Structure formats: structure tokens, C-alpha cells
Amino acid sequence: MTHTRYAFIKANWHADIIDRALEGFLEEIPAAQVDVFDVPGAFELPLRAQELARTGRYASIAGAALVVDGGIYRHDFVAQAVVKGLMQVGLETGVPVLSVSLTPHQFQETDHHRAIFGSHFVEKGREAARAALQLTRHAQELAA
């Protein structure tokens, strides 16, 4: 029996926080069913998601990133482009693409904020995994 496969893409910026989303994802879906891919930053998530979706190997793809305000408003444009790009990949390929990409208005490089957002990303990873499993069930029901 083959297992359904899932892809999890994570941005390397703020990897200590983003890796927490993968932890949460793997609490819900066995690691043996998840292929993990790294990209340099959030902006690269949609292209990698598109490449993976086109392989036909994955029931769904999750992309995780933390886009922070660097004081020049660039983060708003990046976050919008990433989420729109991920959605577009799903619409064009028919493979669900889930966003675990967050853009906090208040983030500082402190232990306190790292702990807060790290915990938040664990939960967001769990939520993405639950959504992936639900979408897989729906696809299987439609195919039956």
C-alpha cells in the first residue's frame, strides 16, 4: 500500500522560527509521508511549490515563511506576492497549496518574540497538516 505524500517548503530566513511550523506539521502527518524542501526566503516559495505540484507526487503542498517589517514597507509587497503566488499555483495545477506564511506587524529580534512566534508557528503547522489531510479525504471521496 502506498502512502499519500505531502511536501513542506520552508524559507531559510528566520529558520529557527519557521522550523517550528514543520514540527507542528509532523505532529499530524507522519514524517515518512512528508518531503521537506528549503528555499532562501519567502519570495521563492511559489516557484518551488509550482515545481513540486507539477511532479504529480503530492496530495498537497505547504509553504512556511515569516516576512517581517524591515521598516521600508517591502514586507507588505513580499507577503502579498507570496500568498497570491501560492494560491495561483494551486489554481493552475489543481494541487492544494497551503500557506503558513505570516507577516507580523510587530516583530523584534528578541527571545520573547522568537518564543511567541515559534509557538504560533507550531500551531500553524498543525493547522496546515489538518487542512492537508482534510483536502486529501475530499479528493479521495470525489475520486470514488
N, C-alpha and C. Protein backbone atom coordinates (compact mmCIF):
# COMPACT_ATOMS: atom_id res chain seq x y z
N MET A 1 0.84 -1.18 0.00
CA MET A 1 0.00 0.00 0.00
C MET A 1 0.89 1.25 0.00
N THR A 2 0.62 2.17 -0.90
CA THR A 2 1.40 3.39 -0.93
C THR A 2 0.73 4.44 -0.05
N HIS A 3 1.55 5.28 0.53
CA HIS A 3 1.05 6.35 1.38
C HIS A 3 0.96 7.64 0.57
N THR A 4 0.00 8.44 0.93
CA THR A 4 -0.12 9.76 0.33
C THR A 4 1.08 10.58 0.75
N ARG A 5 1.63 11.35 -0.19
CA ARG A 5 2.81 12.18 0.09
C ARG A 5 2.42 13.64 0.15
N TYR A 6 3.13 14.34 1.01
CA TYR A 6 2.93 15.78 1.19
C TYR A 6 4.29 16.47 1.09
N ALA A 7 4.27 17.70 0.59
CA ALA A 7 5.51 18.49 0.52
C ALA A 7 5.39 19.64 1.50
N PHE A 8 6.50 19.94 2.16
CA PHE A 8 6.56 21.07 3.08
C PHE A 8 7.77 21.90 2.67
N ILE A 9 7.52 23.14 2.26
CA ILE A 9 8.60 24.04 1.84
C ILE A 9 8.78 25.08 2.94
N LYS A 10 10.04 25.31 3.31
CA LYS A 10 10.27 26.30 4.35
C LYS A 10 11.37 27.28 3.94
N ALA A 11 11.11 28.54 4.23
CA ALA A 11 12.08 29.59 3.94
C ALA A 11 13.20 29.54 4.98
N ASN A 12 14.41 29.85 4.55
CA ASN A 12 15.55 29.81 5.46
C ASN A 12 15.68 31.06 6.34
N TRP A 13 15.09 32.19 5.92
CA TRP A 13 15.11 33.36 6.79
C TRP A 13 14.32 33.05 8.05
N HIS A 14 14.88 33.32 9.20
CA HIS A 14 14.26 33.02 10.49
C HIS A 14 13.97 31.53 10.64
N ALA A 15 14.92 30.72 10.19
CA ALA A 15 14.73 29.26 10.20
C ALA A 15 14.41 28.72 11.58
N ASP A 16 14.96 29.33 12.64
CA ASP A 16 14.69 28.82 13.99
C ASP A 16 13.20 28.91 14.32
N ILE A 17 12.51 29.88 13.75
CA ILE A 17 11.07 30.03 13.97
C ILE A 17 10.29 29.18 12.96
N ILE A 18 10.68 29.23 11.70
CA ILE A 18 9.98 28.51 10.64
C ILE A 18 10.02 27.00 10.87
N ASP A 19 11.13 26.51 11.36
CA ASP A 19 11.25 25.07 11.63
C ASP A 19 10.20 24.59 12.62
N ARG A 20 9.71 25.48 13.44
CA ARG A 20 8.65 25.12 14.40
C ARG A 20 7.36 24.75 13.68
N ALA A 21 7.09 25.39 12.53
CA ALA A 21 5.89 25.04 11.74
C ALA A 21 6.00 23.61 11.24
N LEU A 22 7.20 23.22 10.83
CA LEU A 22 7.40 21.84 10.39
C LEU A 22 7.17 20.88 11.55
N GLU A 23 7.61 21.23 12.75
CA GLU A 23 7.36 20.39 13.92
C GLU A 23 5.86 20.14 14.08
N GLY A 24 5.07 21.20 14.01
CA GLY A 24 3.62 21.07 14.15
C GLY A 24 3.02 20.23 13.03
N PHE A 25 3.50 20.42 11.82
CA PHE A 25 3.01 19.66 10.66
C PHE A 25 3.26 18.17 10.88
N LEU A 26 4.44 17.84 11.38
CA LEU A 26 4.81 16.44 11.59
C LEU A 26 4.13 15.81 12.80
N GLU A 27 3.52 16.62 13.64
CA GLU A 27 2.70 16.06 14.73
C GLU A 27 1.42 15.44 14.18
N GLU A 28 0.98 15.91 13.03
CA GLU A 28 -0.29 15.46 12.44
C GLU A 28 -0.11 14.48 11.28
N ILE A 29 0.99 14.60 10.57
CA ILE A 29 1.27 13.74 9.41
C ILE A 29 2.62 13.07 9.64
N PRO A 30 2.69 11.75 9.52
CA PRO A 30 3.97 11.06 9.77
C PRO A 30 5.09 11.58 8.86
N ALA A 31 6.26 11.73 9.43
CA ALA A 31 7.43 12.23 8.69
C ALA A 31 7.72 11.40 7.45
N ALA A 32 7.41 10.11 7.49
CA ALA A 32 7.67 9.24 6.34
C ALA A 32 6.83 9.62 5.13
N GLN A 33 5.79 10.42 5.32
CA GLN A 33 4.92 10.85 4.23
C GLN A 33 5.20 12.29 3.78
N VAL A 34 6.20 12.92 4.38
CA VAL A 34 6.45 14.34 4.12
C VAL A 34 7.85 14.53 3.54
N ASP A 35 7.93 15.19 2.41
CA ASP A 35 9.20 15.60 1.84
C ASP A 35 9.40 17.07 2.16
N VAL A 36 10.56 17.41 2.69
CA VAL A 36 10.84 18.78 3.14
C VAL A 36 11.83 19.43 2.18
N PHE A 37 11.52 20.67 1.82
CA PHE A 37 12.36 21.43 0.90
C PHE A 37 12.65 22.81 1.49
N ASP A 38 13.87 23.27 1.32
CA ASP A 38 14.27 24.60 1.78
C ASP A 38 14.38 25.53 0.58
N VAL A 39 14.02 26.79 0.81
CA VAL A 39 14.24 27.86 -0.17
C VAL A 39 14.88 29.02 0.58
N PRO A 40 15.57 29.91 -0.13
CA PRO A 40 16.25 31.01 0.55
C PRO A 40 15.32 31.89 1.39
N GLY A 41 14.20 32.31 0.82
CA GLY A 41 13.29 33.20 1.52
C GLY A 41 11.87 32.98 1.07
N ALA A 42 10.96 33.79 1.60
CA ALA A 42 9.54 33.66 1.29
C ALA A 42 9.24 33.82 -0.19
N PHE A 43 9.93 34.74 -0.84
CA PHE A 43 9.65 35.06 -2.23
C PHE A 43 9.84 33.85 -3.15
N GLU A 44 10.67 32.91 -2.74
CA GLU A 44 10.93 31.73 -3.55
C GLU A 44 9.94 30.59 -3.34
N LEU A 45 9.03 30.73 -2.38
CA LEU A 45 8.06 29.66 -2.10
C LEU A 45 7.18 29.30 -3.30
N PRO A 46 6.55 30.28 -3.98
CA PRO A 46 5.65 29.90 -5.07
C PRO A 46 6.30 29.12 -6.20
N LEU A 47 7.51 29.51 -6.60
CA LEU A 47 8.16 28.79 -7.69
C LEU A 47 8.45 27.35 -7.29
N ARG A 48 8.97 27.14 -6.10
CA ARG A 48 9.23 25.77 -5.65
C ARG A 48 7.92 24.99 -5.54
N ALA A 49 6.86 25.63 -5.05
CA ALA A 49 5.56 24.96 -4.96
C ALA A 49 5.08 24.54 -6.35
N GLN A 50 5.27 25.41 -7.32
CA GLN A 50 4.86 25.10 -8.69
C GLN A 50 5.65 23.91 -9.24
N GLU A 51 6.96 23.93 -9.03
CA GLU A 51 7.80 22.81 -9.49
C GLU A 51 7.33 21.49 -8.87
N LEU A 52 7.04 21.52 -7.58
CA LEU A 52 6.62 20.30 -6.88
C LEU A 52 5.23 19.86 -7.31
N ALA A 53 4.33 20.80 -7.47
CA ALA A 53 2.95 20.47 -7.87
C ALA A 53 2.95 19.80 -9.24
N ARG A 54 3.79 20.28 -10.13
CA ARG A 54 3.83 19.73 -11.49
C ARG A 54 4.35 18.29 -11.54
N THR A 55 5.01 17.84 -10.49
CA THR A 55 5.51 16.46 -10.48
C THR A 55 4.38 15.45 -10.33
N GLY A 56 3.25 15.87 -9.77
CA GLY A 56 2.14 14.96 -9.53
C GLY A 56 2.35 14.03 -8.35
N ARG A 57 3.39 14.24 -7.58
CA ARG A 57 3.72 13.34 -6.45
C ARG A 57 2.98 13.67 -5.16
N TYR A 58 2.46 14.89 -5.04
CA TYR A 58 1.98 15.35 -3.74
C TYR A 58 0.48 15.62 -3.72
N ALA A 59 -0.15 15.18 -2.64
CA ALA A 59 -1.57 15.45 -2.44
C ALA A 59 -1.78 16.92 -2.11
N SER A 60 -0.82 17.50 -1.41
CA SER A 60 -0.85 18.94 -1.14
C SER A 60 0.55 19.39 -0.76
N ILE A 61 0.70 20.71 -0.79
CA ILE A 61 1.99 21.34 -0.53
C ILE A 61 1.77 22.46 0.47
N ALA A 62 2.61 22.54 1.48
CA ALA A 62 2.54 23.65 2.45
C ALA A 62 3.82 24.47 2.32
N GLY A 63 3.66 25.79 2.39
CA GLY A 63 4.81 26.68 2.34
C GLY A 63 4.85 27.55 3.57
N ALA A 64 6.00 27.61 4.25
CA ALA A 64 6.11 28.35 5.51
C ALA A 64 7.19 29.42 5.42
N ALA A 65 6.83 30.62 5.90
CA ALA A 65 7.78 31.73 5.92
C ALA A 65 7.32 32.76 6.95
N LEU A 66 8.27 33.55 7.40
CA LEU A 66 8.00 34.68 8.28
C LEU A 66 8.54 35.92 7.56
N VAL A 67 7.63 36.79 7.17
CA VAL A 67 8.00 38.02 6.46
C VAL A 67 7.87 39.17 7.44
N VAL A 68 8.99 39.74 7.84
CA VAL A 68 8.97 40.77 8.88
C VAL A 68 9.12 42.17 8.31
N ASP A 69 8.66 43.13 9.06
CA ASP A 69 8.73 44.54 8.69
C ASP A 69 10.15 45.04 8.94
N GLY A 70 10.83 45.33 7.86
CA GLY A 70 12.19 45.86 7.97
C GLY A 70 12.22 47.37 8.00
N GLY A 71 11.05 48.00 8.09
CA GLY A 71 10.99 49.45 8.19
C GLY A 71 10.84 50.18 6.88
N ILE A 72 10.77 49.45 5.77
CA ILE A 72 10.63 50.12 4.47
C ILE A 72 9.39 49.66 3.70
N TYR A 73 8.48 49.00 4.35
CA TYR A 73 7.22 48.53 3.79
C TYR A 73 7.35 47.48 2.71
N ARG A 74 8.56 47.03 2.43
CA ARG A 74 8.76 45.98 1.45
C ARG A 74 8.04 44.70 1.86
N HIS A 75 7.95 44.45 3.15
CA HIS A 75 7.35 43.21 3.64
C HIS A 75 5.91 43.05 3.17
N ASP A 76 5.16 44.14 3.09
CA ASP A 76 3.77 44.06 2.63
C ASP A 76 3.70 43.53 1.20
N PHE A 77 4.57 44.01 0.34
CA PHE A 77 4.57 43.59 -1.05
C PHE A 77 5.02 42.14 -1.18
N VAL A 78 6.04 41.78 -0.43
CA VAL A 78 6.54 40.41 -0.47
C VAL A 78 5.47 39.45 0.03
N ALA A 79 4.87 39.75 1.16
CA ALA A 79 3.85 38.87 1.73
C ALA A 79 2.67 38.69 0.77
N GLN A 80 2.24 39.77 0.17
CA GLN A 80 1.12 39.70 -0.77
C GLN A 80 1.50 38.86 -2.00
N ALA A 81 2.69 39.07 -2.52
CA ALA A 81 3.14 38.31 -3.69
C ALA A 81 3.25 36.82 -3.38
N VAL A 82 3.74 36.50 -2.20
CA VAL A 82 3.91 35.10 -1.82
C VAL A 82 2.56 34.40 -1.71
N VAL A 83 1.64 34.99 -0.98
CA VAL A 83 0.33 34.36 -0.79
C VAL A 83 -0.42 34.26 -2.12
N LYS A 84 -0.36 35.30 -2.91
CA LYS A 84 -1.01 35.27 -4.23
C LYS A 84 -0.37 34.21 -5.11
N GLY A 85 0.97 34.13 -5.08
CA GLY A 85 1.67 33.13 -5.88
C GLY A 85 1.33 31.71 -5.47
N LEU A 86 1.26 31.46 -4.17
CA LEU A 86 0.90 30.12 -3.69
C LEU A 86 -0.52 29.75 -4.12
N MET A 87 -1.43 30.70 -4.01
CA MET A 87 -2.82 30.45 -4.44
C MET A 87 -2.87 30.16 -5.93
N GLN A 88 -2.13 30.92 -6.70
CA GLN A 88 -2.12 30.74 -8.15
C GLN A 88 -1.61 29.35 -8.54
N VAL A 89 -0.58 28.89 -7.85
CA VAL A 89 -0.07 27.55 -8.12
C VAL A 89 -1.16 26.51 -7.91
N GLY A 90 -1.89 26.62 -6.82
CA GLY A 90 -2.97 25.68 -6.55
C GLY A 90 -4.05 25.72 -7.62
N LEU A 91 -4.43 26.92 -8.03
CA LEU A 91 -5.47 27.06 -9.04
C LEU A 91 -5.02 26.52 -10.40
N GLU A 92 -3.77 26.74 -10.74
CA GLU A 92 -3.27 26.31 -12.06
C GLU A 92 -3.00 24.81 -12.13
N THR A 93 -2.60 24.22 -11.02
CA THR A 93 -2.21 22.80 -11.05
C THR A 93 -3.26 21.86 -10.48
N GLY A 94 -4.19 22.38 -9.70
CA GLY A 94 -5.18 21.53 -9.04
C GLY A 94 -4.65 20.86 -7.79
N VAL A 95 -3.42 21.16 -7.42
CA VAL A 95 -2.82 20.63 -6.18
C VAL A 95 -2.99 21.68 -5.10
N PRO A 96 -3.64 21.35 -3.99
CA PRO A 96 -3.81 22.34 -2.92
C PRO A 96 -2.45 22.82 -2.39
N VAL A 97 -2.32 24.13 -2.28
CA VAL A 97 -1.11 24.74 -1.74
C VAL A 97 -1.52 25.57 -0.53
N LEU A 98 -0.98 25.21 0.61
CA LEU A 98 -1.36 25.82 1.89
C LEU A 98 -0.30 26.81 2.34
N SER A 99 -0.73 27.94 2.85
CA SER A 99 0.21 28.96 3.30
C SER A 99 0.34 28.96 4.81
N VAL A 100 1.58 28.84 5.25
CA VAL A 100 1.92 29.02 6.65
C VAL A 100 2.89 30.21 6.68
N SER A 101 2.52 31.21 5.89
CA SER A 101 3.33 32.40 5.74
C SER A 101 2.70 33.52 6.55
N LEU A 102 3.44 34.03 7.52
CA LEU A 102 2.91 35.07 8.41
C LEU A 102 3.69 36.36 8.26
N THR A 103 2.98 37.46 8.41
CA THR A 103 3.58 38.79 8.32
C THR A 103 3.17 39.60 9.54
N PRO A 104 3.88 39.46 10.64
CA PRO A 104 3.50 40.21 11.85
C PRO A 104 3.82 41.70 11.71
N HIS A 105 2.96 42.51 12.28
CA HIS A 105 3.22 43.95 12.28
C HIS A 105 4.26 44.33 13.33
N GLN A 106 4.36 43.52 14.33
CA GLN A 106 5.33 43.79 15.41
C GLN A 106 6.20 42.57 15.61
N PHE A 107 7.43 42.62 15.11
CA PHE A 107 8.39 41.55 15.35
C PHE A 107 9.73 42.19 15.62
N GLN A 108 10.34 41.74 16.71
CA GLN A 108 11.68 42.22 17.06
C GLN A 108 12.55 41.00 17.33
N GLU A 109 13.83 41.15 17.06
CA GLU A 109 14.78 40.05 17.25
C GLU A 109 15.08 39.87 18.75
N THR A 110 14.05 39.48 19.49
CA THR A 110 14.23 39.25 20.92
C THR A 110 13.84 37.81 21.25
N ASP A 111 14.33 37.31 22.35
CA ASP A 111 13.95 35.96 22.78
C ASP A 111 12.45 35.86 22.99
N HIS A 112 11.87 36.93 23.53
CA HIS A 112 10.43 36.95 23.80
C HIS A 112 9.63 36.78 22.50
N HIS A 113 9.94 37.56 21.48
CA HIS A 113 9.20 37.45 20.21
C HIS A 113 9.50 36.14 19.51
N ARG A 114 10.72 35.66 19.60
CA ARG A 114 11.04 34.36 18.99
C ARG A 114 10.21 33.25 19.64
N ALA A 115 10.04 33.32 20.94
CA ALA A 115 9.24 32.30 21.65
C ALA A 115 7.77 32.40 21.25
N ILE A 116 7.25 33.63 21.21
CA ILE A 116 5.84 33.82 20.85
C ILE A 116 5.57 33.31 19.44
N PHE A 117 6.37 33.76 18.48
CA PHE A 117 6.13 33.37 17.10
C PHE A 117 6.49 31.91 16.85
N GLY A 118 7.47 31.39 17.57
CA GLY A 118 7.79 29.97 17.46
C GLY A 118 6.61 29.11 17.86
N SER A 119 5.98 29.44 18.98
CA SER A 119 4.79 28.70 19.43
C SER A 119 3.64 28.85 18.44
N HIS A 120 3.49 30.04 17.91
CA HIS A 120 2.43 30.30 16.94
C HIS A 120 2.65 29.45 15.68
N PHE A 121 3.90 29.34 15.25
CA PHE A 121 4.18 28.56 14.06
C PHE A 121 3.95 27.07 14.28
N VAL A 122 4.17 26.56 15.47
CA VAL A 122 3.85 25.15 15.75
C VAL A 122 2.37 24.93 15.49
N GLU A 123 1.53 25.80 16.03
CA GLU A 123 0.09 25.65 15.82
C GLU A 123 -0.29 25.82 14.36
N LYS A 124 0.32 26.77 13.68
CA LYS A 124 0.03 26.98 12.25
C LYS A 124 0.44 25.75 11.44
N GLY A 125 1.53 25.11 11.82
CA GLY A 125 1.93 23.87 11.15
C GLY A 125 0.91 22.77 11.34
N ARG A 126 0.40 22.64 12.56
CA ARG A 126 -0.65 21.65 12.84
C ARG A 126 -1.89 21.94 11.99
N GLU A 127 -2.28 23.21 11.95
CA GLU A 127 -3.47 23.59 11.17
C GLU A 127 -3.29 23.27 9.69
N ALA A 128 -2.11 23.54 9.15
CA ALA A 128 -1.85 23.24 7.75
C ALA A 128 -1.94 21.73 7.49
N ALA A 129 -1.39 20.95 8.40
CA ALA A 129 -1.44 19.49 8.24
C ALA A 129 -2.88 18.99 8.29
N ARG A 130 -3.66 19.51 9.22
CA ARG A 130 -5.07 19.10 9.30
C ARG A 130 -5.82 19.47 8.02
N ALA A 131 -5.53 20.65 7.49
CA ALA A 131 -6.15 21.07 6.23
C ALA A 131 -5.72 20.14 5.09
N ALA A 132 -4.43 19.79 5.06
CA ALA A 132 -3.93 18.89 4.02
C ALA A 132 -4.63 17.54 4.09
N LEU A 133 -4.79 17.01 5.27
CA LEU A 133 -5.47 15.73 5.44
C LEU A 133 -6.93 15.81 5.02
N GLN A 134 -7.58 16.89 5.39
CA GLN A 134 -8.99 17.08 5.01
C GLN A 134 -9.13 17.19 3.49
N LEU A 135 -8.25 17.93 2.86
CA LEU A 135 -8.30 18.07 1.40
C LEU A 135 -8.02 16.74 0.71
N THR A 136 -7.15 15.93 1.28
CA THR A 136 -6.87 14.61 0.73
C THR A 136 -8.11 13.74 0.82
N ARG A 137 -8.78 13.77 1.97
CA ARG A 137 -10.03 13.00 2.12
C ARG A 137 -11.07 13.44 1.08
N HIS A 138 -11.21 14.75 0.89
CA HIS A 138 -12.17 15.26 -0.08
C HIS A 138 -11.84 14.78 -1.48
N ALA A 139 -10.58 14.82 -1.86
CA ALA A 139 -10.17 14.37 -3.19
C ALA A 139 -10.44 12.88 -3.36
N GLN A 140 -10.20 12.10 -2.31
CA GLN A 140 -10.46 10.66 -2.38
C GLN A 140 -11.95 10.38 -2.51
N GLU A 141 -12.77 11.16 -1.83
CA GLU A 141 -14.22 10.99 -1.93
C GLU A 141 -14.71 11.33 -3.32
N LEU A 142 -14.16 12.38 -3.92
CA LEU A 142 -14.55 12.75 -5.28
C LEU A 142 -14.14 11.70 -6.30
N ALA A 143 -13.00 11.05 -6.05
CA ALA A 143 -12.49 10.04 -6.98
C ALA A 143 -13.24 8.71 -6.87
N ALA A 144 -13.93 8.50 -5.74
CA ALA A 144 -14.61 7.21 -5.52
C ALA A 144 -15.89 7.10 -6.32
